[in-house]
Protein backbone atom coordinates (compact mmCIF):
# COMPACT_ATOMS: atom_id res chain seq x y z
CA MET A 1 -77.37 -1.85 38.73
CA THR A 2 -77.73 1.94 38.50
CA LEU A 3 -77.07 3.91 35.35
CA LEU A 4 -76.42 7.61 35.84
CA THR A 5 -76.18 10.28 33.18
CA GLU A 6 -76.17 13.99 33.21
CA ASP A 7 -79.64 14.07 31.58
CA GLN A 8 -81.85 11.68 33.45
CA PRO A 9 -80.86 9.16 36.08
CA CYS A 10 -82.90 6.02 36.34
CA ARG A 11 -82.65 2.68 38.06
CA PHE A 12 -83.01 -0.76 36.51
CA SER A 13 -84.25 -3.82 38.32
CA ALA A 14 -82.07 -6.81 38.89
CA PRO A 15 -81.33 -8.60 35.62
CA ASP A 16 -82.92 -11.87 36.66
CA SER A 17 -86.12 -10.43 38.10
CA PRO A 18 -89.45 -10.51 36.24
CA LEU A 19 -90.29 -7.16 34.73
CA ALA A 20 -93.66 -5.48 34.33
CA SER A 21 -94.58 -2.61 32.17
CA MET A 22 -93.59 0.93 32.94
CA GLU A 23 -95.46 4.09 31.94
CA HIS A 24 -94.18 7.62 32.06
CA TYR A 25 -96.58 10.25 33.26
CA PRO A 26 -95.86 13.96 32.88
CA VAL A 27 -95.75 15.88 36.12
CA ASP A 28 -97.99 18.91 36.52
CA SER A 29 -95.45 20.86 38.54
CA GLY A 30 -92.59 20.37 40.95
CA PRO A 31 -88.85 19.85 40.83
CA LYS A 32 -87.13 16.99 39.08
CA GLU A 33 -86.24 15.35 42.37
CA ASP A 34 -89.91 14.92 43.28
CA TYR A 35 -90.49 13.11 40.02
CA LEU A 36 -87.55 10.82 40.60
CA ASP A 37 -88.77 10.11 44.11
CA CYS A 38 -92.10 8.94 42.78
CA MET A 39 -90.24 6.59 40.41
CA GLU A 40 -87.94 5.06 43.03
CA PRO A 41 -90.40 2.63 44.64
CA ALA A 42 -91.45 1.09 41.35
CA VAL A 43 -88.48 -0.69 39.86
CA PHE A 44 -89.74 -1.08 36.34
CA GLY A 45 -93.16 -1.82 37.79
CA ALA A 46 -96.25 0.21 37.09
CA VAL A 47 -95.17 3.71 38.04
CA GLU A 48 -97.72 5.57 40.15
CA PRO A 49 -98.71 8.77 38.34
CA PRO A 50 -98.00 12.03 40.15
CA LYS A 51 -100.59 13.67 42.35
CA ARG A 52 -102.93 15.83 40.32
CA SER A 53 -104.02 19.21 41.61
CA ARG A 54 -107.66 19.96 42.38
CA GLY A 55 -107.77 22.47 39.53
CA ARG A 56 -106.58 19.87 37.01
CA LEU A 57 -109.17 17.34 38.19
CA ILE A 58 -111.95 19.93 38.04
CA MET A 59 -110.87 20.91 34.52
CA HIS A 60 -110.96 17.22 33.59
CA GLY A 61 -114.49 16.88 34.99
CA MET A 62 -115.85 19.96 33.24
CA VAL A 63 -116.67 17.84 30.21
CA MET A 64 -119.28 16.05 32.32
CA PHE A 65 -120.93 19.41 33.12
CA GLY A 66 -121.18 20.24 29.41
CA ARG A 67 -122.34 16.74 28.46
CA GLU A 68 -125.08 16.67 31.09
CA PHE A 69 -126.13 20.23 30.22
CA CYS A 70 -126.73 19.14 26.62
CA TYR A 71 -128.41 15.92 27.78
CA ALA A 72 -130.87 17.95 29.87
CA VAL A 73 -131.69 20.11 26.84
CA GLU A 74 -132.33 17.00 24.79
CA ALA A 75 -134.54 15.45 27.48
CA ALA A 76 -136.59 18.64 27.79
CA PHE A 77 -137.10 19.36 24.09
CA VAL A 78 -136.80 16.13 22.12
CA THR A 79 -140.54 15.39 22.28
CA PRO A 80 -141.76 18.92 21.40
CA VAL A 81 -139.27 19.24 18.54
CA LEU A 82 -140.02 15.85 17.01
CA LEU A 83 -143.77 16.32 17.25
CA SER A 84 -143.57 19.92 15.96
CA VAL A 85 -141.94 18.80 12.71
CA GLY A 86 -144.68 16.21 12.17
CA LEU A 87 -143.06 12.91 13.18
CA PRO A 88 -145.75 10.18 13.35
CA ARG A 89 -146.18 8.73 16.84
CA ARG A 90 -145.62 5.19 15.56
CA LEU A 91 -142.06 6.17 14.55
CA TYR A 92 -141.21 7.93 17.80
CA SER A 93 -139.79 4.83 19.51
CA LEU A 94 -137.51 4.24 16.50
CA VAL A 95 -135.45 7.27 17.56
CA TRP A 96 -134.64 5.63 20.88
CA PHE A 97 -133.78 2.26 19.34
CA ILE A 98 -131.20 3.22 16.71
CA SER A 99 -128.68 4.90 18.99
CA PRO A 100 -128.53 2.28 21.78
CA VAL A 101 -128.41 -0.62 19.35
CA LEU A 102 -125.47 0.93 17.50
CA GLY A 103 -123.82 1.82 20.78
CA PHE A 104 -124.17 -1.68 22.21
CA ILE A 105 -122.55 -3.18 19.11
CA LEU A 106 -119.76 -0.64 18.59
CA GLN A 107 -118.95 0.53 22.14
CA PRO A 108 -116.49 -2.28 23.00
CA VAL A 109 -114.78 -1.90 19.62
CA ILE A 110 -114.17 1.81 20.19
CA GLY A 111 -113.16 1.24 23.81
CA SER A 112 -110.58 -1.39 22.93
CA ALA A 113 -109.35 0.57 19.91
CA SER A 114 -108.56 3.48 22.23
CA ASP A 115 -106.39 1.10 24.29
CA TYR A 116 -104.14 0.74 21.21
CA CYS A 117 -104.43 4.24 19.72
CA ARG A 118 -100.99 5.59 18.72
CA SER A 119 -101.90 9.21 18.12
CA PRO A 120 -99.19 11.67 19.20
CA TRP A 121 -101.91 13.42 21.23
CA GLY A 122 -102.55 10.36 23.41
CA ARG A 123 -104.82 7.34 23.43
CA ARG A 124 -108.14 8.75 24.60
CA ARG A 125 -108.28 12.42 23.60
CA PRO A 126 -108.57 11.87 19.81
CA TYR A 127 -111.69 9.76 20.41
CA ILE A 128 -113.10 12.28 22.89
CA LEU A 129 -112.56 15.13 20.40
CA LEU A 130 -114.20 13.22 17.54
CA LEU A 131 -117.22 12.24 19.65
CA GLY A 132 -117.46 15.79 20.99
CA ILE A 133 -117.66 17.16 17.45
CA MET A 134 -120.34 14.58 16.64
CA MET A 135 -122.32 15.73 19.69
CA LEU A 136 -122.14 19.33 18.49
CA VAL A 137 -123.23 18.40 14.95
CA GLY A 138 -126.11 16.32 16.30
CA LEU A 139 -127.22 19.14 18.61
CA THR A 140 -127.09 21.58 15.67
CA LEU A 141 -129.27 19.39 13.46
CA PHE A 142 -131.64 18.56 16.31
CA LEU A 143 -132.42 22.14 17.36
CA ASN A 144 -132.04 23.86 13.98
CA GLY A 145 -133.19 21.22 11.49
CA ASP A 146 -136.66 22.67 11.05
CA ALA A 147 -135.37 26.23 10.58
CA VAL A 148 -132.72 25.15 8.07
CA THR A 149 -135.10 23.10 5.91
CA SER A 150 -137.68 25.92 6.01
CA ALA A 151 -135.05 28.37 4.74
CA ILE A 152 -133.91 26.07 1.92
CA LEU A 153 -137.11 24.38 0.73
CA GLU A 154 -140.43 25.89 -0.30
CA ASP A 155 -142.68 22.92 -0.98
CA ARG A 156 -144.54 22.14 2.25
CA ASN A 157 -144.62 18.34 1.94
CA ILE A 158 -140.97 18.05 0.93
CA LYS A 159 -139.98 20.46 3.68
CA ARG A 160 -141.84 18.38 6.29
CA THR A 161 -140.21 15.14 5.14
CA TRP A 162 -136.70 16.58 5.17
CA ALA A 163 -137.29 18.29 8.52
CA ILE A 164 -138.24 14.94 10.06
CA VAL A 165 -135.16 13.26 8.55
CA VAL A 166 -132.75 15.99 9.64
CA VAL A 167 -134.10 16.26 13.19
CA MET A 168 -134.19 12.47 13.67
CA PHE A 169 -130.65 12.16 12.35
CA GLY A 170 -129.53 14.90 14.73
CA VAL A 171 -131.17 13.23 17.74
CA VAL A 172 -129.64 9.84 16.91
CA MET A 173 -126.18 11.30 16.30
CA PHE A 174 -126.23 13.34 19.49
CA ASP A 175 -127.51 10.47 21.62
CA PHE A 176 -125.01 8.05 20.07
CA ALA A 177 -121.99 10.33 20.64
CA ALA A 178 -123.08 11.44 24.13
CA ASP A 179 -123.43 7.82 25.26
CA PHE A 180 -120.16 6.78 23.60
CA ILE A 181 -118.01 9.56 25.01
CA ASP A 182 -118.37 8.47 28.63
CA GLY A 183 -116.11 5.42 28.24
CA PRO A 184 -113.07 7.25 26.79
CA ILE A 185 -113.49 10.02 29.39
CA LYS A 186 -113.33 7.55 32.27
CA ALA A 187 -110.43 5.63 30.68
CA TYR A 188 -108.55 8.94 30.18
CA LEU A 189 -108.96 9.68 33.90
CA PHE A 190 -107.71 6.22 34.85
CA ASP A 191 -104.69 6.47 32.55
CA VAL A 192 -103.28 9.72 33.91
CA CYS A 193 -104.20 9.60 37.60
CA SER A 194 -103.07 7.67 40.66
CA HIS A 195 -105.55 5.41 42.44
CA ARG A 196 -106.39 8.11 44.99
CA ASP A 197 -106.81 10.76 42.30
CA LYS A 198 -109.10 8.45 40.34
CA GLU A 199 -111.51 8.45 43.28
CA ARG A 200 -111.25 12.25 43.63
CA GLY A 201 -111.73 12.69 39.88
CA LEU A 202 -114.84 10.49 39.79
CA HIS A 203 -116.37 12.48 42.63
CA TYR A 204 -115.74 15.71 40.73
CA HIS A 205 -117.31 14.06 37.68
CA ALA A 206 -120.44 13.25 39.68
CA LEU A 207 -120.61 16.75 41.19
CA LEU A 208 -120.26 18.48 37.83
CA THR A 209 -122.68 16.04 36.19
CA GLY A 210 -125.36 17.06 38.68
CA LEU A 211 -124.66 20.77 38.31
CA GLY A 212 -124.66 20.51 34.51
CA GLY A 213 -128.02 18.76 34.49
CA ALA A 214 -129.51 21.33 36.87
CA CYS A 215 -128.31 24.23 34.71
CA GLY A 216 -129.57 22.54 31.54
CA TYR A 217 -133.06 21.99 32.97
CA LEU A 218 -133.17 25.59 34.25
CA ILE A 219 -132.22 26.95 30.82
CA GLY A 220 -134.94 24.82 29.26
CA ALA A 221 -137.56 25.94 31.81
CA MET A 222 -137.17 29.64 30.97
CA ASP A 223 -139.32 31.39 28.38
CA TRP A 224 -136.74 32.63 25.88
CA GLY A 225 -139.16 33.19 23.01
CA HIS A 226 -140.27 36.61 24.28
CA SER A 227 -136.86 37.72 25.53
CA ALA A 228 -134.53 40.16 23.78
CA LEU A 229 -132.14 37.31 22.99
CA GLY A 230 -134.99 35.32 21.46
CA VAL A 231 -135.88 38.23 19.19
CA VAL A 232 -132.25 38.60 18.06
CA LEU A 233 -131.61 34.88 17.40
CA GLY A 234 -135.03 34.14 15.94
CA SER A 235 -136.68 31.61 18.26
CA GLU A 236 -136.50 29.89 21.63
CA TYR A 237 -134.76 26.85 20.14
CA GLN A 238 -131.98 29.02 18.69
CA VAL A 239 -131.38 30.65 22.09
CA ILE A 240 -131.12 27.26 23.77
CA TYR A 241 -128.82 26.03 21.01
CA PHE A 242 -126.59 29.09 21.53
CA PHE A 243 -126.19 28.38 25.26
CA SER A 244 -125.77 24.62 24.75
CA SER A 245 -123.15 24.81 21.98
CA LEU A 246 -121.20 27.53 23.81
CA THR A 247 -121.19 25.56 27.06
CA TRP A 248 -120.19 22.33 25.36
CA GLY A 249 -117.42 23.91 23.28
CA ILE A 250 -115.81 25.69 26.23
CA PHE A 251 -115.92 22.78 28.67
CA LEU A 252 -114.82 20.18 26.09
CA THR A 253 -111.77 22.35 25.33
CA MET A 254 -110.98 22.67 29.05
CA HIS A 255 -111.18 18.89 29.40
CA LEU A 256 -108.91 18.15 26.45
CA PHE A 257 -106.19 20.45 27.82
CA SER A 258 -106.61 19.48 31.49
CA ILE A 259 -104.05 16.68 31.95
CA PRO A 260 -101.52 15.70 29.25
CA GLU A 261 -101.42 12.15 27.93
CA LYS A 262 -98.25 10.39 26.85
CA PRO A 263 -98.71 8.70 23.46
CA LEU A 264 -97.86 5.13 22.62
CA MET A 265 -94.62 4.96 20.64
CA LYS A 266 -94.81 3.54 17.12
CA ASP A 267 -91.28 2.27 16.88
CA HIS A 268 -88.62 1.64 19.48
CA SER A 269 -85.82 0.51 17.23
CA SER A 270 -84.45 3.95 16.39
CA ASP A 271 -82.58 6.04 18.97
CA SER A 272 -82.86 3.23 21.47
CA CYS A 273 -80.07 1.62 23.39
CA PRO A 274 -79.89 -2.18 23.42
CA ALA A 275 -80.96 -2.26 27.05
CA ALA A 276 -84.10 -0.24 26.40
CA SER A 277 -85.12 -2.26 23.36
CA LEU A 278 -84.54 -5.44 25.34
CA LEU A 279 -86.82 -4.19 28.05
CA LEU A 280 -89.53 -3.15 25.62
CA GLU A 281 -89.93 -6.18 23.40
CA ASP A 282 -90.79 -9.77 24.07
CA GLN A 283 -91.90 -11.36 20.83
CA HIS A 284 -93.54 -14.33 22.56
CA HIS A 285 -95.47 -12.25 25.07
CA ASN A 286 -99.26 -12.33 24.71
CA GLY A 287 -100.41 -10.75 27.94
CA TYR A 288 -101.73 -7.34 28.76
CA GLY A 289 -99.27 -5.66 31.08
CA THR A 290 -97.04 -8.51 32.18
CA VAL A 291 -93.80 -10.26 31.12
CA HIS A 292 -93.54 -13.97 31.76
CA LYS A 293 -90.08 -14.81 30.54
CA GLU A 294 -87.00 -13.78 32.42
CA LEU A 295 -84.72 -11.58 30.41
CA PRO A 296 -80.97 -12.11 30.03
CA PRO A 297 -78.63 -10.01 32.14
CA LEU A 298 -78.22 -6.42 31.03
CA PRO A 299 -74.70 -5.43 30.03
CA GLU A 300 -72.85 -2.61 31.80
CA MET A 301 -73.16 0.54 29.72
CA ARG A 302 -73.10 4.30 30.03
CA GLN A 303 -75.16 6.25 27.52
CA ARG A 304 -74.58 9.93 26.82
CA SER A 305 -78.33 10.48 26.67
CA PHE A 306 -81.17 8.49 28.18
CA SER A 307 -83.90 9.60 25.79
CA ALA A 308 -84.55 5.96 24.92
CA LEU A 309 -85.54 5.19 28.47
CA SER A 310 -87.83 8.21 28.44
CA GLU A 311 -89.53 6.65 25.44
CA ALA A 312 -89.68 3.35 27.23
CA ASN A 313 -91.51 4.96 30.10
CA ALA A 314 -94.11 6.31 27.69
CA VAL A 315 -95.07 2.86 26.44
CA THR A 316 -98.11 1.28 27.94
CA PRO A 317 -98.36 -2.50 28.26
CA SER A 318 -100.44 -2.90 25.15
CA ALA A 319 -97.79 -1.19 23.03
CA LYS A 320 -95.26 -3.90 23.77
CA GLN A 321 -97.00 -6.35 21.47
CA PRO A 322 -95.82 -6.94 17.92
CA SER A 323 -97.95 -4.93 15.53
CA SER A 324 -99.45 -7.99 13.86
CA GLU A 325 -100.56 -9.29 17.24
CA VAL A 326 -102.19 -5.99 18.09
CA GLN A 327 -104.13 -6.08 14.86
CA LYS A 328 -105.28 -9.58 15.67
CA ARG A 329 -106.47 -8.47 19.05
CA MET A 330 -108.60 -5.69 17.63
CA THR A 331 -111.00 -7.86 15.64
CA LEU A 332 -114.66 -7.79 16.61
CA LYS A 333 -114.62 -11.53 17.28
CA SER A 334 -111.74 -11.31 19.74
CA LEU A 335 -113.31 -8.34 21.53
CA LEU A 336 -116.63 -10.12 21.94
CA SER A 337 -114.78 -13.18 23.16
CA ALA A 338 -112.94 -11.09 25.74
CA MET A 339 -116.25 -9.66 26.97
CA ILE A 340 -117.98 -13.04 27.12
CA ASN A 341 -115.03 -14.66 28.91
CA MET A 342 -114.50 -11.78 31.31
CA PRO A 343 -113.75 -12.63 34.96
CA SER A 344 -116.79 -13.28 37.12
CA HIS A 345 -116.44 -10.07 39.14
CA TYR A 346 -116.52 -8.01 35.93
CA ARG A 347 -119.55 -9.93 34.71
CA CYS A 348 -121.41 -9.37 37.99
CA LEU A 349 -120.56 -5.68 37.84
CA CYS A 350 -121.97 -5.43 34.29
CA VAL A 351 -125.20 -7.20 35.28
CA THR A 352 -125.62 -4.93 38.30
CA HIS A 353 -124.97 -1.86 36.15
CA LEU A 354 -127.59 -3.11 33.65
CA LEU A 355 -130.19 -3.53 36.40
CA GLY A 356 -129.42 -0.09 37.81
CA TRP A 357 -129.69 1.73 34.49
CA THR A 358 -132.84 -0.18 33.55
CA ALA A 359 -134.50 0.98 36.77
CA PHE A 360 -133.19 4.53 36.40
CA LEU A 361 -134.29 4.92 32.77
CA CYS A 362 -137.72 3.40 33.52
CA ASN A 363 -138.31 6.31 35.82
CA MET A 364 -136.44 9.16 34.11
CA LEU A 365 -137.68 8.74 30.53
CA PHE A 366 -141.34 8.78 31.57
CA PHE A 367 -141.29 10.83 34.79
CA THR A 368 -142.76 14.06 33.35
CA ASP A 369 -145.57 12.05 31.75
CA PHE A 370 -146.19 10.35 35.12
CA MET A 371 -146.42 13.78 36.79
CA GLY A 372 -148.88 15.04 34.19
CA GLN A 373 -151.18 12.02 34.13
CA ILE A 374 -150.99 10.50 37.63
CA VAL A 375 -150.01 13.31 40.00
CA TYR A 376 -151.85 16.18 38.28
CA LYS A 377 -154.51 13.93 36.71
CA GLY A 378 -154.28 15.59 33.30
CA ASN A 379 -155.01 14.05 29.91
CA PRO A 380 -152.39 14.30 27.13
CA TYR A 381 -154.93 13.11 24.53
CA ALA A 382 -157.48 15.83 25.26
CA GLU A 383 -158.06 18.85 23.04
CA HIS A 384 -155.19 21.30 23.28
CA ASN A 385 -157.47 24.13 24.38
CA SER A 386 -159.10 22.05 27.13
CA THR A 387 -158.56 22.34 30.89
CA SER A 388 -157.52 18.70 31.10
CA TYR A 389 -154.69 19.20 28.62
CA ALA A 390 -153.57 22.44 30.34
CA THR A 391 -153.44 20.51 33.62
CA TYR A 392 -151.30 17.86 31.98
CA GLU A 393 -148.90 20.50 30.66
CA ARG A 394 -148.64 22.00 34.14
CA GLY A 395 -147.73 18.56 35.48
CA VAL A 396 -145.01 18.21 32.85
CA GLU A 397 -143.54 21.58 33.86
CA VAL A 398 -143.49 20.60 37.53
CA GLY A 399 -141.93 17.29 36.50
CA CYS A 400 -139.06 19.26 34.94
CA TRP A 401 -138.52 21.00 38.27
CA GLY A 402 -138.46 17.55 39.88
CA LEU A 403 -135.70 16.52 37.47
CA CYS A 404 -133.85 19.69 38.45
CA ILE A 405 -134.07 18.58 42.11
CA ASN A 406 -132.67 15.23 40.97
CA ALA A 407 -129.67 16.94 39.36
CA VAL A 408 -128.91 19.10 42.41
CA SER A 409 -129.20 16.16 44.81
CA SER A 410 -126.86 14.16 42.56
CA ALA A 411 -124.22 16.87 42.92
CA LEU A 412 -124.65 17.06 46.69
CA TYR A 413 -124.63 13.28 47.17
CA SER A 414 -121.30 13.02 45.41
CA TYR A 415 -119.78 14.71 48.47
CA VAL A 416 -121.80 12.59 50.90
CA GLN A 417 -120.31 9.53 49.19
CA ARG A 418 -116.80 10.66 50.12
CA LEU A 419 -117.85 10.91 53.77
CA LEU A 420 -119.55 7.51 53.81
CA LEU A 421 -116.88 5.62 51.86
CA PRO A 422 -114.49 4.94 54.79
CA TYR A 423 -117.35 3.50 56.85
CA ILE A 424 -119.36 1.33 54.48
CA GLY A 425 -117.03 0.87 51.49
CA LEU A 426 -117.85 0.78 47.78
CA LYS A 427 -120.18 -2.22 48.05
CA GLY A 428 -122.13 -0.52 50.85
CA LEU A 429 -122.47 2.67 48.80
CA TYR A 430 -123.57 0.64 45.79
CA PHE A 431 -126.25 -1.15 47.83
CA LEU A 432 -127.38 2.09 49.52
CA GLY A 433 -127.88 3.90 46.21
CA TYR A 434 -130.01 1.12 44.73
CA PHE A 435 -132.00 0.64 47.95
CA MET A 436 -132.84 4.34 48.39
CA PHE A 437 -133.91 4.63 44.76
CA GLY A 438 -136.06 1.49 44.95
CA LEU A 439 -137.70 2.62 48.18
CA GLY A 440 -138.26 6.20 46.95
CA THR A 441 -139.80 5.26 43.60
CA GLY A 442 -141.99 2.67 45.34
CA LEU A 443 -143.36 5.33 47.71
CA ILE A 444 -143.97 7.70 44.77
CA GLY A 445 -146.02 4.99 43.04
CA LEU A 446 -148.03 4.19 46.16
CA PHE A 447 -148.60 7.80 47.28
CA PRO A 448 -148.62 9.99 44.14
CA ASN A 449 -149.13 13.48 45.56
CA ILE A 450 -147.23 16.63 44.60
CA VAL A 451 -145.32 17.32 47.81
CA ALA A 452 -144.23 13.73 48.40
CA THR A 453 -143.21 13.23 44.77
CA LEU A 454 -141.08 16.38 44.59
CA THR A 455 -139.46 15.55 47.93
CA LEU A 456 -138.63 12.02 46.87
CA CYS A 457 -137.10 13.28 43.60
CA SER A 458 -133.94 13.70 45.66
CA VAL A 459 -133.46 9.91 45.66
CA PHE A 460 -133.16 10.05 41.87
CA GLY A 461 -129.98 12.05 42.37
CA VAL A 462 -128.64 9.44 44.80
CA MET A 463 -129.08 6.79 42.11
CA SER A 464 -127.60 9.02 39.41
CA SER A 465 -124.47 9.74 41.43
CA THR A 466 -124.13 6.05 42.31
CA LEU A 467 -124.34 4.93 38.67
CA TYR A 468 -121.81 7.52 37.49
CA THR A 469 -119.15 6.82 40.16
CA ILE A 470 -119.30 3.52 42.05
CA PRO A 471 -119.00 1.08 39.08
CA PHE A 472 -115.98 2.94 37.70
CA ASN A 473 -114.41 3.06 41.15
CA LEU A 474 -114.82 -0.72 41.29
CA ILE A 475 -113.18 -1.04 37.85
CA SER A 476 -110.25 0.98 39.20
CA ASP A 477 -110.00 -1.29 42.25
CA TYR A 478 -110.14 -4.42 40.09
CA HIS A 479 -107.33 -3.18 37.86
CA LYS A 480 -105.25 -2.20 40.87
CA ALA A 481 -105.68 -5.69 42.38
CA GLU A 482 -104.78 -7.32 39.06
CA GLU A 483 -101.68 -5.15 38.77
CA GLU A 484 -100.57 -6.38 42.20
CA GLN A 485 -101.09 -9.97 41.06
CA ARG A 486 -99.08 -9.34 37.92
CA LYS A 487 -96.24 -7.95 40.03
CA LEU A 488 -96.29 -11.22 41.96
CA GLY A 489 -95.87 -13.14 38.71
CA SER A 490 -99.40 -14.45 38.26
CA ASP A 491 -99.96 -16.00 34.82
CA GLU A 492 -103.74 -16.23 35.03
CA PRO A 493 -105.08 -15.61 31.51
CA ALA A 494 -107.95 -13.43 32.77
CA LEU A 495 -105.42 -10.89 34.00
CA GLU A 496 -103.63 -10.57 30.70
CA SER A 497 -106.20 -9.51 28.11
CA ARG A 498 -108.05 -6.61 29.65
CA GLY A 499 -107.57 -2.93 28.96
CA THR A 500 -109.15 -0.09 30.89
CA GLY A 501 -110.81 1.27 27.75
CA MET A 502 -112.57 -2.00 27.01
CA ASP A 503 -113.75 -2.45 30.60
CA CYS A 504 -115.16 1.08 30.72
CA ALA A 505 -116.80 0.44 27.35
CA ALA A 506 -118.34 -2.79 28.64
CA LEU A 507 -119.97 -0.83 31.45
CA THR A 508 -121.30 1.88 29.16
CA CYS A 509 -122.63 -0.84 26.85
CA MET A 510 -125.01 -1.74 29.67
CA VAL A 511 -126.53 1.74 29.43
CA GLN A 512 -127.40 1.17 25.77
CA LEU A 513 -128.77 -2.31 26.50
CA ALA A 514 -130.90 -0.89 29.32
CA GLN A 515 -132.27 1.74 26.94
CA VAL A 516 -133.19 -0.95 24.42
CA ILE A 517 -134.93 -3.01 27.14
CA VAL A 518 -136.88 -0.01 28.44
CA GLY A 519 -137.82 1.21 24.97
CA ALA A 520 -138.98 -2.24 23.87
CA GLY A 521 -140.77 -3.40 27.00
CA LEU A 522 -142.07 -0.51 29.03
CA GLY A 523 -144.49 0.83 26.44
CA ALA A 524 -146.12 -2.60 26.13
CA LEU A 525 -146.24 -2.87 29.93
CA VAL A 526 -148.00 0.50 30.23
CA ASN A 527 -150.56 -0.53 27.60
CA LEU A 528 -151.12 -3.82 29.41
CA ALA A 529 -151.58 -2.18 32.82
CA GLY A 530 -153.59 0.74 31.44
CA SER A 531 -151.81 3.27 33.66
CA VAL A 532 -148.48 5.12 33.70
CA ILE A 533 -148.13 4.32 37.39
CA VAL A 534 -146.55 1.03 36.34
CA VAL A 535 -143.49 3.07 35.27
CA VAL A 536 -142.35 3.99 38.77
CA LEU A 537 -143.39 0.64 40.22
CA SER A 538 -141.27 -1.15 37.60
CA ALA A 539 -138.31 1.10 38.41
CA SER A 540 -138.69 0.29 42.11
CA THR A 541 -138.91 -3.46 41.49
CA VAL A 542 -135.83 -3.63 39.22
CA SER A 543 -133.81 -1.47 41.61
CA LEU A 544 -134.61 -3.71 44.59
CA ILE A 545 -133.63 -6.75 42.50
CA GLY A 546 -130.34 -4.95 41.89
CA CYS A 547 -129.95 -4.60 45.69
CA LEU A 548 -130.26 -8.35 46.11
CA PHE A 549 -127.75 -8.95 43.30
CA ILE A 550 -125.23 -6.61 44.94
CA ALA A 551 -125.66 -8.29 48.32
CA LEU A 552 -125.32 -11.84 46.97
CA PHE A 553 -122.87 -11.65 44.06
CA MET A 554 -120.73 -8.50 44.24
């Protein structure tokens, strides 16, 4: 049956056919007929979003440039800043524990909550904005905490204590928000893009992530203290804060206005025709994105306006639940249960992601120290005016250039992935990234010389690009396959309770868990072995274990 009006024509499915959810996606540009054409194939099924332009996808990915730029600044300066304000070495590891522990506990809650967010601005963008503001506040406290406390307080001991508290709080807040924000960003991309555009968007994310990290490390490597800008702003840290906050503010704004989101509707009873309300509500439906019961035949009708159907299109599957049921879903117990009882392919993906990030963080968090002690044979515990300590500092500086090579190779490899994908597929790319990283870090540990180490830093970028793109591409494929099963009327419980936000959050939880594992275990392992060389060898071993896991279980 076809209902036509002067405002917006639309086609219903047959009355006795099972119905799935329908989302309305705003079109970037193009005539009305093109939009209707994209709706025709999906008869109240999941409507494929319109094709997004390259400019829109690049704007969407700019947030990853800003995020990685700020991450690079943190990686380069967190140790000097913390030690300069007098933080005892025994408390240093505490900074790295607080953020990942909180993130591992709260990440799935935030991810699932964004699946049900009813803000008029959309589901994901309010969370992204809030976390972006938290990142900026944390960066401000981290780089300016010592200067602020010095300006306010006069007593030296009190000033030192408050400087430590403010800087630590800034580091934890920044790290917490920067880790958290990745899940809503990926879910936002999945919500507003077609399957093909999701792959394009993730590649742009990887490219801009690499470029942002490279620019951040380059800004940190320059001597701003003696520059004109350093004299005007007061110190090197204030110059770096100026560039970081400006970059983050501009690119976060570009991201938030890149692609519009359609909000979940709070109430469908007003201004809705009986047909639309019938399509939207099923009080006995408990699934995510599927309708089990057949609906009664729709009566013949002709509405003057079809605004109700426009609202119906804007409703995602999760919004069809009664409000009390939604609230029940969003308890911590139910979210943990959904994660524990996730389908086996999701669980294998999470384990693989955990192994990959554990290997990657083993290497990245301690790489500059490895360069200073093993490659350059310096001594960080020597007197600061000694040759041995100066040699160590030189190794750390060269290690920063190695991390810059890693960032550039990550950006370049994101394009190589697109060329390799048709030939070896996502699983092949996943295996290749882990294998190259495991082989490269193993060679660095066995042959620690300057030229070989800097050359092999390029494999770090291969791993970085793999971790930022392939798992989320697999999530997209899994959801696409489940949507096809729902269209065929599958009533498998595993297909009914999963939202994109929670699945992306489950993946990013693995990053926090990997950080906890590395922070808790690697220091003890280095003390046991008596050499930092165990860092890269551990990274190689865990990465090769990840290769086996991908080959056997993915």
